[in-house]
Every structure is written in structure tokens, then in C-alpha cells.
Amino acid sequence: MRRLAIAVGVVFAAVTRADAQRYRVLVASENGQRSVVEFRPCIPAEGSGCGAWIDHEAAPDTTIRLTASTSAHFGPGDSVWIERGAIRIRNGNHGSKTIQDRRGAATALTLAPMRDYAFVVLNAPDAAGSTIVMVDLSTRSVIANCPIPGRASAIAMFR
């Protein structure tokens, strides 16, 4: 009975943690198109239900513009910014790292509420669409991506 209770507790904790690891961003294009993209980082012990996809298309809106952000601070001495199309991350303890993604030039970013991930818009000069990437700020690496139709110009967290 005790083993069953422990097993149920472990499964419940894993499910709760997986649900907490869901992030949604609102991506806007210059022509007013809006897409909600969902990201779920892969948790090695679980192995499923991870990745990124367009959750739904929102109603186009050209009257309200999202402002593109190109930098943010996520801790004392820690920051992420866009410089010449690359993603730059500075950790106070580990120096800085540059991520140049082959899918395009970084143009806008936003931070997750807990400031552990950044979501970045990539636009390739010869592509009609964009790619949104999820950057793990602790490992300083891209961990998920989602191509979207249209050229994205701004991104914001969506709750």
C-alpha cells in the first residue's frame, strides 16, 4: 500500500510539473495577423508532450500594435538582447554567449514570467514566414522552435 501511495505521489508530481511547463506567446505580424504559439519544454524523465506548435490563430487586429522588445534582464547582472541579428546572453557568473541561428536573424524577444526562458522571433531575409524559438537561459541554448506563416514583428507572453 505504501509503494502504491509513493507511486501515485510521484506520478502526480510529474503531471503537475509538466502542466506548469507550458508557455504561450502571442506573435504579431506587421499586417495584424496574430498567432498563439504553445511551447512545452522536454523533461527528460517524461519524454512526451513536448515541443512547440501553433495553438490557434487569433483575430487579426491592425488597431492595436505590439511593441517589439530587443532586450531584457532576468537576474542581477544577467541579460538577454539582440545584436546584429544574433541572440546574446550574459550571465553574471558565466560571461556571455552568442547564438546565431541558421533559421534567420533575431528581431524581437520576450521573457517567460519566471525569467528562465526567452522566446525570440527569427526572420530569414528570403522567407515568407518566421520561426519562433525558445531559449533556455540557464543552458544558453535553443530548446524548441515553431515555424509560423507570415513575417512576425513582435512577441509577448500570453496567459
N, C-alpha and C. Protein backbone atom coordinates (compact mmCIF):
# COMPACT_ATOMS: atom_id res chain seq x y z
N MET A 1 0.82 -1.18 0.00
CA MET A 1 0.00 0.00 0.00
C MET A 1 0.87 1.26 0.00
N ARG A 2 1.93 1.22 0.79
CA ARG A 2 2.84 2.37 0.86
C ARG A 2 3.49 2.61 -0.50
N ARG A 3 3.89 1.53 -1.19
CA ARG A 3 4.52 1.69 -2.52
C ARG A 3 3.54 2.30 -3.50
N LEU A 4 2.28 1.90 -3.43
CA LEU A 4 1.26 2.47 -4.30
C LEU A 4 1.10 3.96 -4.02
N ALA A 5 1.06 4.34 -2.77
CA ALA A 5 0.93 5.76 -2.41
C ALA A 5 2.12 6.56 -2.91
N ILE A 6 3.31 6.02 -2.79
CA ILE A 6 4.51 6.71 -3.29
C ILE A 6 4.46 6.84 -4.80
N ALA A 7 4.06 5.77 -5.49
CA ALA A 7 3.97 5.78 -6.96
C ALA A 7 2.95 6.82 -7.42
N VAL A 8 1.79 6.87 -6.77
CA VAL A 8 0.77 7.85 -7.13
C VAL A 8 1.31 9.26 -6.88
N GLY A 9 2.01 9.47 -5.79
CA GLY A 9 2.59 10.78 -5.49
C GLY A 9 3.60 11.21 -6.54
N VAL A 10 4.44 10.30 -6.97
CA VAL A 10 5.45 10.60 -7.99
C VAL A 10 4.78 10.94 -9.31
N VAL A 11 3.77 10.15 -9.71
CA VAL A 11 3.06 10.42 -10.97
C VAL A 11 2.35 11.77 -10.88
N PHE A 12 1.70 12.06 -9.76
CA PHE A 12 1.01 13.34 -9.59
C PHE A 12 2.00 14.50 -9.67
N ALA A 13 3.13 14.37 -9.04
CA ALA A 13 4.15 15.43 -9.08
C ALA A 13 4.65 15.64 -10.50
N ALA A 14 4.86 14.56 -11.25
CA ALA A 14 5.33 14.68 -12.63
C ALA A 14 4.29 15.34 -13.50
N VAL A 15 3.01 14.98 -13.34
CA VAL A 15 1.95 15.59 -14.13
C VAL A 15 1.81 17.07 -13.79
N THR A 16 1.86 17.40 -12.52
CA THR A 16 1.77 18.79 -12.11
C THR A 16 2.93 19.60 -12.67
N ARG A 17 4.13 19.06 -12.63
CA ARG A 17 5.31 19.75 -13.16
C ARG A 17 5.18 19.92 -14.67
N ALA A 18 4.67 18.91 -15.38
CA ALA A 18 4.52 19.00 -16.83
C ALA A 18 3.53 20.09 -17.20
N ASP A 19 2.41 20.20 -16.45
CA ASP A 19 1.44 21.23 -16.74
C ASP A 19 2.02 22.61 -16.49
N ALA A 20 2.86 22.73 -15.48
CA ALA A 20 3.48 24.01 -15.16
C ALA A 20 4.49 24.41 -16.23
N GLN A 21 4.96 23.49 -17.01
CA GLN A 21 5.96 23.75 -18.03
C GLN A 21 5.32 24.05 -19.39
N ARG A 22 4.21 24.77 -19.39
CA ARG A 22 3.54 25.15 -20.63
C ARG A 22 3.61 26.66 -20.76
N TYR A 23 4.08 27.13 -21.90
CA TYR A 23 4.21 28.56 -22.13
C TYR A 23 3.50 28.90 -23.43
N ARG A 24 2.80 30.02 -23.43
CA ARG A 24 2.13 30.51 -24.63
C ARG A 24 2.61 31.92 -24.93
N VAL A 25 2.89 32.16 -26.19
CA VAL A 25 3.28 33.50 -26.62
C VAL A 25 2.35 33.97 -27.74
N LEU A 26 2.10 35.26 -27.76
CA LEU A 26 1.32 35.88 -28.81
C LEU A 26 2.31 36.50 -29.79
N VAL A 27 2.19 36.11 -31.04
CA VAL A 27 3.10 36.60 -32.08
C VAL A 27 2.29 37.45 -33.04
N ALA A 28 2.78 38.66 -33.32
CA ALA A 28 2.06 39.58 -34.21
C ALA A 28 2.90 39.87 -35.44
N SER A 29 2.22 40.01 -36.57
CA SER A 29 2.90 40.39 -37.80
C SER A 29 2.54 41.83 -38.15
N GLU A 30 3.25 42.41 -39.06
CA GLU A 30 3.02 43.80 -39.47
C GLU A 30 1.61 44.00 -40.01
N ASN A 31 1.05 42.97 -40.68
CA ASN A 31 -0.28 43.12 -41.28
C ASN A 31 -1.41 42.83 -40.29
N GLY A 32 -1.09 42.67 -39.01
CA GLY A 32 -2.11 42.49 -38.00
C GLY A 32 -2.44 41.05 -37.65
N GLN A 33 -1.86 40.09 -38.36
CA GLN A 33 -2.13 38.68 -38.04
C GLN A 33 -1.58 38.35 -36.66
N ARG A 34 -2.32 37.57 -35.89
CA ARG A 34 -1.92 37.17 -34.55
C ARG A 34 -1.97 35.66 -34.44
N SER A 35 -0.93 35.06 -33.89
CA SER A 35 -0.89 33.62 -33.65
C SER A 35 -0.51 33.38 -32.20
N VAL A 36 -1.13 32.38 -31.58
CA VAL A 36 -0.75 31.96 -30.24
C VAL A 36 0.04 30.67 -30.40
N VAL A 37 1.29 30.70 -29.96
CA VAL A 37 2.18 29.55 -30.09
C VAL A 37 2.40 28.97 -28.70
N GLU A 38 2.25 27.65 -28.57
CA GLU A 38 2.46 26.98 -27.29
C GLU A 38 3.79 26.23 -27.31
N PHE A 39 4.53 26.39 -26.23
CA PHE A 39 5.81 25.70 -26.06
C PHE A 39 5.72 24.84 -24.80
N ARG A 40 6.21 23.61 -24.92
CA ARG A 40 6.34 22.73 -23.76
C ARG A 40 7.74 22.15 -23.80
N PRO A 41 8.62 22.61 -22.89
CA PRO A 41 9.99 22.08 -22.89
C PRO A 41 10.01 20.59 -22.56
N CYS A 42 10.93 19.87 -23.17
CA CYS A 42 11.06 18.44 -22.92
C CYS A 42 11.69 18.22 -21.55
N ILE A 43 11.06 17.36 -20.77
CA ILE A 43 11.59 16.97 -19.48
C ILE A 43 12.11 15.55 -19.66
N PRO A 44 13.42 15.31 -19.56
CA PRO A 44 14.00 14.01 -19.89
C PRO A 44 13.30 12.81 -19.25
N ALA A 45 12.86 12.91 -18.03
CA ALA A 45 12.23 11.76 -17.37
C ALA A 45 10.86 11.43 -17.95
N GLU A 46 10.23 12.41 -18.61
CA GLU A 46 8.88 12.19 -19.13
C GLU A 46 8.88 11.80 -20.60
N GLY A 47 9.60 12.54 -21.43
CA GLY A 47 9.81 12.17 -22.82
C GLY A 47 8.67 12.38 -23.79
N SER A 48 7.50 12.84 -23.37
CA SER A 48 6.44 13.06 -24.35
C SER A 48 5.71 14.36 -24.03
N GLY A 49 4.91 14.79 -24.99
CA GLY A 49 4.15 16.00 -24.80
C GLY A 49 4.98 17.26 -24.85
N CYS A 50 6.13 17.18 -25.49
CA CYS A 50 6.98 18.36 -25.55
C CYS A 50 7.11 18.83 -26.99
N GLY A 51 7.54 20.07 -27.14
CA GLY A 51 7.73 20.64 -28.46
C GLY A 51 7.06 22.00 -28.54
N ALA A 52 6.75 22.43 -29.76
CA ALA A 52 6.13 23.73 -29.98
C ALA A 52 5.20 23.63 -31.18
N TRP A 53 4.09 24.35 -31.12
CA TRP A 53 3.11 24.33 -32.20
C TRP A 53 2.23 25.57 -32.10
N ILE A 54 1.55 25.89 -33.21
CA ILE A 54 0.59 26.98 -33.19
C ILE A 54 -0.66 26.45 -32.51
N ASP A 55 -1.01 27.05 -31.39
CA ASP A 55 -2.19 26.63 -30.64
C ASP A 55 -3.46 27.09 -31.36
N HIS A 56 -3.47 28.35 -31.75
CA HIS A 56 -4.58 28.87 -32.55
C HIS A 56 -4.22 30.22 -33.14
N GLU A 57 -4.97 30.56 -34.17
CA GLU A 57 -4.82 31.87 -34.78
C GLU A 57 -5.80 32.80 -34.08
N ALA A 58 -5.34 33.96 -33.68
CA ALA A 58 -6.19 34.94 -33.04
C ALA A 58 -6.77 35.86 -34.12
N ALA A 59 -7.78 36.61 -33.75
CA ALA A 59 -8.40 37.52 -34.71
C ALA A 59 -7.39 38.58 -35.14
N PRO A 60 -7.26 38.81 -36.45
CA PRO A 60 -6.34 39.86 -36.91
C PRO A 60 -6.75 41.21 -36.34
N ASP A 61 -5.77 42.03 -36.04
CA ASP A 61 -6.04 43.33 -35.44
C ASP A 61 -4.94 44.31 -35.85
N THR A 62 -5.32 45.33 -36.62
CA THR A 62 -4.33 46.33 -37.04
C THR A 62 -4.44 47.60 -36.20
N THR A 63 -5.43 47.67 -35.30
CA THR A 63 -5.58 48.90 -34.49
C THR A 63 -4.66 48.89 -33.28
N ILE A 64 -4.39 47.71 -32.73
CA ILE A 64 -3.51 47.62 -31.57
C ILE A 64 -2.20 46.98 -31.99
N ARG A 65 -1.12 47.68 -31.83
CA ARG A 65 0.19 47.19 -32.21
C ARG A 65 0.94 46.68 -30.99
N LEU A 66 1.58 45.52 -31.13
CA LEU A 66 2.51 45.06 -30.10
C LEU A 66 3.84 45.75 -30.36
N THR A 67 4.48 46.18 -29.33
CA THR A 67 5.79 46.80 -29.46
C THR A 67 6.86 45.73 -29.36
N ALA A 68 7.77 45.73 -30.30
CA ALA A 68 8.86 44.75 -30.31
C ALA A 68 9.91 45.14 -29.27
N SER A 69 10.29 44.16 -28.46
CA SER A 69 11.35 44.37 -27.47
C SER A 69 12.59 43.65 -27.96
N THR A 70 13.76 44.23 -27.72
CA THR A 70 15.00 43.61 -28.17
C THR A 70 15.97 43.32 -27.04
N SER A 71 15.54 43.55 -25.78
CA SER A 71 16.41 43.23 -24.65
C SER A 71 15.59 43.05 -23.39
N ALA A 72 16.18 42.31 -22.42
CA ALA A 72 15.52 42.10 -21.13
C ALA A 72 16.57 41.68 -20.10
N HIS A 73 16.27 41.94 -18.83
CA HIS A 73 17.11 41.50 -17.72
C HIS A 73 16.39 40.37 -17.01
N PHE A 74 17.11 39.31 -16.65
CA PHE A 74 16.46 38.19 -15.98
C PHE A 74 17.09 37.85 -14.64
N GLY A 75 17.95 38.66 -14.15
CA GLY A 75 18.55 38.47 -12.84
C GLY A 75 19.63 39.51 -12.63
N PRO A 76 20.16 39.59 -11.42
CA PRO A 76 21.24 40.55 -11.17
C PRO A 76 22.45 40.26 -12.07
N GLY A 77 22.76 41.18 -12.93
CA GLY A 77 23.90 41.00 -13.83
C GLY A 77 23.63 40.09 -15.01
N ASP A 78 22.38 39.59 -15.16
CA ASP A 78 22.03 38.68 -16.24
C ASP A 78 21.11 39.39 -17.22
N SER A 79 21.40 39.25 -18.51
CA SER A 79 20.56 39.89 -19.51
C SER A 79 20.59 39.10 -20.81
N VAL A 80 19.58 39.34 -21.63
CA VAL A 80 19.49 38.77 -22.97
C VAL A 80 19.10 39.92 -23.90
N TRP A 81 19.72 39.97 -25.07
CA TRP A 81 19.43 41.03 -26.02
C TRP A 81 19.74 40.55 -27.43
N ILE A 82 19.29 41.36 -28.38
CA ILE A 82 19.52 41.07 -29.79
C ILE A 82 20.56 42.06 -30.31
N GLU A 83 21.56 41.50 -30.96
CA GLU A 83 22.64 42.34 -31.51
C GLU A 83 23.00 41.84 -32.90
N ARG A 84 22.77 42.67 -33.90
CA ARG A 84 23.08 42.32 -35.30
C ARG A 84 22.49 40.98 -35.72
N GLY A 85 21.24 40.73 -35.33
CA GLY A 85 20.55 39.51 -35.72
C GLY A 85 20.86 38.28 -34.90
N ALA A 86 21.73 38.41 -33.90
CA ALA A 86 22.09 37.28 -33.04
C ALA A 86 21.48 37.47 -31.65
N ILE A 87 21.29 36.36 -30.95
CA ILE A 87 20.81 36.38 -29.58
C ILE A 87 22.03 36.40 -28.67
N ARG A 88 22.12 37.38 -27.80
CA ARG A 88 23.24 37.47 -26.86
C ARG A 88 22.72 37.26 -25.45
N ILE A 89 23.41 36.44 -24.68
CA ILE A 89 23.02 36.15 -23.31
C ILE A 89 24.23 36.39 -22.42
N ARG A 90 24.04 37.17 -21.37
CA ARG A 90 25.11 37.41 -20.41
C ARG A 90 24.64 36.93 -19.05
N ASN A 91 25.39 35.99 -18.49
CA ASN A 91 25.16 35.53 -17.12
C ASN A 91 26.29 36.10 -16.29
N GLY A 92 25.96 36.66 -15.15
CA GLY A 92 26.96 37.26 -14.28
C GLY A 92 28.12 36.34 -13.96
N ASN A 93 27.85 35.04 -13.80
CA ASN A 93 28.89 34.08 -13.41
C ASN A 93 29.60 33.41 -14.60
N HIS A 94 28.96 33.39 -15.75
CA HIS A 94 29.49 32.59 -16.87
C HIS A 94 29.87 33.41 -18.10
N GLY A 95 29.97 34.70 -17.99
CA GLY A 95 30.31 35.51 -19.15
C GLY A 95 29.14 35.59 -20.12
N SER A 96 29.44 35.82 -21.39
CA SER A 96 28.36 35.94 -22.38
C SER A 96 28.49 34.89 -23.47
N LYS A 97 27.37 34.65 -24.13
CA LYS A 97 27.31 33.69 -25.23
C LYS A 97 26.47 34.28 -26.34
N THR A 98 26.86 34.02 -27.58
CA THR A 98 26.12 34.47 -28.75
C THR A 98 25.50 33.26 -29.43
N ILE A 99 24.22 33.36 -29.75
CA ILE A 99 23.53 32.31 -30.51
C ILE A 99 23.13 32.91 -31.85
N GLN A 100 23.74 32.41 -32.91
CA GLN A 100 23.40 32.81 -34.27
C GLN A 100 22.65 31.63 -34.87
N ASP A 101 21.35 31.78 -35.13
CA ASP A 101 20.52 30.68 -35.61
C ASP A 101 20.43 30.71 -37.12
N ARG A 102 20.59 29.57 -37.75
CA ARG A 102 20.56 29.48 -39.22
C ARG A 102 19.18 29.74 -39.80
N ARG A 103 18.13 29.73 -38.96
CA ARG A 103 16.76 29.93 -39.46
C ARG A 103 16.43 31.40 -39.70
N GLY A 104 17.31 32.32 -39.27
CA GLY A 104 17.06 33.73 -39.53
C GLY A 104 17.67 34.64 -38.49
N ALA A 105 17.48 35.92 -38.72
CA ALA A 105 18.00 36.94 -37.81
C ALA A 105 17.00 37.19 -36.70
N ALA A 106 17.48 37.28 -35.48
CA ALA A 106 16.63 37.60 -34.34
C ALA A 106 16.17 39.04 -34.46
N THR A 107 14.86 39.27 -34.23
CA THR A 107 14.32 40.63 -34.37
C THR A 107 13.55 41.11 -33.15
N ALA A 108 13.01 40.20 -32.33
CA ALA A 108 12.24 40.59 -31.14
C ALA A 108 12.28 39.46 -30.13
N LEU A 109 12.08 39.80 -28.84
CA LEU A 109 12.09 38.76 -27.80
C LEU A 109 11.17 39.14 -26.66
N THR A 110 10.84 38.12 -25.87
CA THR A 110 10.10 38.30 -24.63
C THR A 110 10.57 37.25 -23.63
N LEU A 111 10.39 37.51 -22.34
CA LEU A 111 10.80 36.58 -21.29
C LEU A 111 9.60 35.88 -20.69
N ALA A 112 9.81 34.63 -20.27
CA ALA A 112 8.80 33.89 -19.51
C ALA A 112 8.64 34.56 -18.15
N PRO A 113 7.48 34.41 -17.51
CA PRO A 113 7.25 35.07 -16.21
C PRO A 113 8.31 34.74 -15.15
N MET A 114 8.81 33.52 -15.12
CA MET A 114 9.82 33.16 -14.13
C MET A 114 11.23 33.53 -14.59
N ARG A 115 11.33 34.11 -15.78
CA ARG A 115 12.59 34.59 -16.34
C ARG A 115 13.62 33.48 -16.54
N ASP A 116 13.12 32.27 -16.84
CA ASP A 116 14.02 31.15 -17.10
C ASP A 116 14.14 30.85 -18.59
N TYR A 117 13.23 31.38 -19.39
CA TYR A 117 13.24 31.17 -20.84
C TYR A 117 13.01 32.49 -21.55
N ALA A 118 13.59 32.61 -22.74
CA ALA A 118 13.30 33.73 -23.64
C ALA A 118 12.68 33.15 -24.90
N PHE A 119 11.76 33.88 -25.50
CA PHE A 119 11.13 33.48 -26.75
C PHE A 119 11.51 34.54 -27.77
N VAL A 120 12.06 34.09 -28.91
CA VAL A 120 12.67 35.02 -29.86
C VAL A 120 12.10 34.80 -31.25
N VAL A 121 11.82 35.90 -31.95
CA VAL A 121 11.37 35.88 -33.34
C VAL A 121 12.60 35.85 -34.24
N LEU A 122 12.62 34.90 -35.17
CA LEU A 122 13.67 34.83 -36.19
C LEU A 122 13.04 35.06 -37.56
N ASN A 123 13.62 35.96 -38.34
CA ASN A 123 13.15 36.23 -39.69
C ASN A 123 14.29 36.04 -40.67
N ALA A 124 14.09 35.14 -41.62
CA ALA A 124 15.07 34.94 -42.69
C ALA A 124 14.76 35.94 -43.81
N PRO A 125 15.79 36.50 -44.44
CA PRO A 125 15.55 37.54 -45.45
C PRO A 125 14.78 37.03 -46.66
N ASP A 126 14.90 35.76 -46.99
CA ASP A 126 14.27 35.22 -48.20
C ASP A 126 13.05 34.36 -47.93
N ALA A 127 12.51 34.38 -46.71
CA ALA A 127 11.37 33.53 -46.36
C ALA A 127 10.12 34.38 -46.12
N ALA A 128 8.97 33.80 -46.46
CA ALA A 128 7.69 34.48 -46.24
C ALA A 128 7.22 34.33 -44.80
N GLY A 129 7.74 33.33 -44.09
CA GLY A 129 7.35 33.07 -42.71
C GLY A 129 8.45 33.38 -41.73
N SER A 130 8.17 33.13 -40.47
CA SER A 130 9.13 33.35 -39.39
C SER A 130 9.26 32.08 -38.57
N THR A 131 10.22 32.06 -37.68
CA THR A 131 10.38 30.96 -36.73
C THR A 131 10.46 31.58 -35.34
N ILE A 132 9.74 30.98 -34.39
CA ILE A 132 9.81 31.40 -33.00
C ILE A 132 10.61 30.33 -32.27
N VAL A 133 11.63 30.74 -31.53
CA VAL A 133 12.45 29.78 -30.78
C VAL A 133 12.35 30.05 -29.29
N MET A 134 12.50 28.96 -28.54
CA MET A 134 12.52 29.02 -27.07
C MET A 134 13.96 28.82 -26.65
N VAL A 135 14.49 29.76 -25.88
CA VAL A 135 15.88 29.73 -25.43
C VAL A 135 15.90 29.48 -23.92
N ASP A 136 16.59 28.42 -23.50
CA ASP A 136 16.79 28.14 -22.08
C ASP A 136 17.92 29.05 -21.61
N LEU A 137 17.62 29.97 -20.70
CA LEU A 137 18.62 30.94 -20.27
C LEU A 137 19.66 30.34 -19.34
N SER A 138 19.36 29.21 -18.69
CA SER A 138 20.36 28.60 -17.82
C SER A 138 21.40 27.82 -18.62
N THR A 139 20.98 27.12 -19.68
CA THR A 139 21.93 26.38 -20.51
C THR A 139 22.39 27.22 -21.70
N ARG A 140 21.73 28.35 -21.91
CA ARG A 140 22.04 29.26 -23.02
C ARG A 140 21.99 28.54 -24.36
N SER A 141 20.85 27.87 -24.60
CA SER A 141 20.68 27.14 -25.85
C SER A 141 19.22 27.15 -26.29
N VAL A 142 19.01 26.99 -27.61
CA VAL A 142 17.67 26.89 -28.17
C VAL A 142 17.17 25.49 -27.91
N ILE A 143 15.97 25.37 -27.30
CA ILE A 143 15.47 24.05 -26.95
C ILE A 143 14.19 23.67 -27.70
N ALA A 144 13.54 24.61 -28.38
CA ALA A 144 12.33 24.30 -29.16
C ALA A 144 12.13 25.39 -30.19
N ASN A 145 11.41 25.06 -31.27
CA ASN A 145 11.13 26.06 -32.29
C ASN A 145 9.80 25.76 -32.94
N CYS A 146 9.19 26.80 -33.52
CA CYS A 146 7.92 26.66 -34.22
C CYS A 146 7.90 27.61 -35.41
N PRO A 147 7.82 27.07 -36.64
CA PRO A 147 7.67 27.95 -37.80
C PRO A 147 6.24 28.49 -37.84
N ILE A 148 6.09 29.74 -38.25
CA ILE A 148 4.75 30.32 -38.38
C ILE A 148 4.63 31.01 -39.73
N PRO A 149 3.42 31.06 -40.27
CA PRO A 149 3.23 31.77 -41.53
C PRO A 149 3.30 33.28 -41.30
N GLY A 150 3.74 34.01 -42.29
CA GLY A 150 3.82 35.46 -42.17
C GLY A 150 5.10 35.90 -41.46
N ARG A 151 5.46 37.15 -41.67
CA ARG A 151 6.67 37.70 -41.06
C ARG A 151 6.31 38.36 -39.74
N ALA A 152 6.75 37.75 -38.67
CA ALA A 152 6.46 38.25 -37.32
C ALA A 152 7.26 39.51 -37.04
N SER A 153 6.61 40.43 -36.31
CA SER A 153 7.30 41.68 -35.96
C SER A 153 7.41 41.89 -34.45
N ALA A 154 6.56 41.20 -33.66
CA ALA A 154 6.60 41.38 -32.21
C ALA A 154 6.11 40.11 -31.53
N ILE A 155 6.48 39.97 -30.25
CA ILE A 155 6.11 38.79 -29.48
C ILE A 155 5.88 39.20 -28.03
N ALA A 156 4.91 38.56 -27.38
CA ALA A 156 4.61 38.84 -25.97
C ALA A 156 4.10 37.57 -25.31
N MET A 157 4.30 37.47 -24.01
CA MET A 157 3.75 36.32 -23.27
C MET A 157 2.24 36.40 -23.30
N PHE A 158 1.60 35.24 -23.40
CA PHE A 158 0.14 35.12 -23.46
C PHE A 158 -0.31 34.25 -22.32
N ARG A 159 -1.23 34.69 -21.54
CA ARG A 159 -1.69 33.89 -20.39
C ARG A 159 -3.03 33.30 -20.65
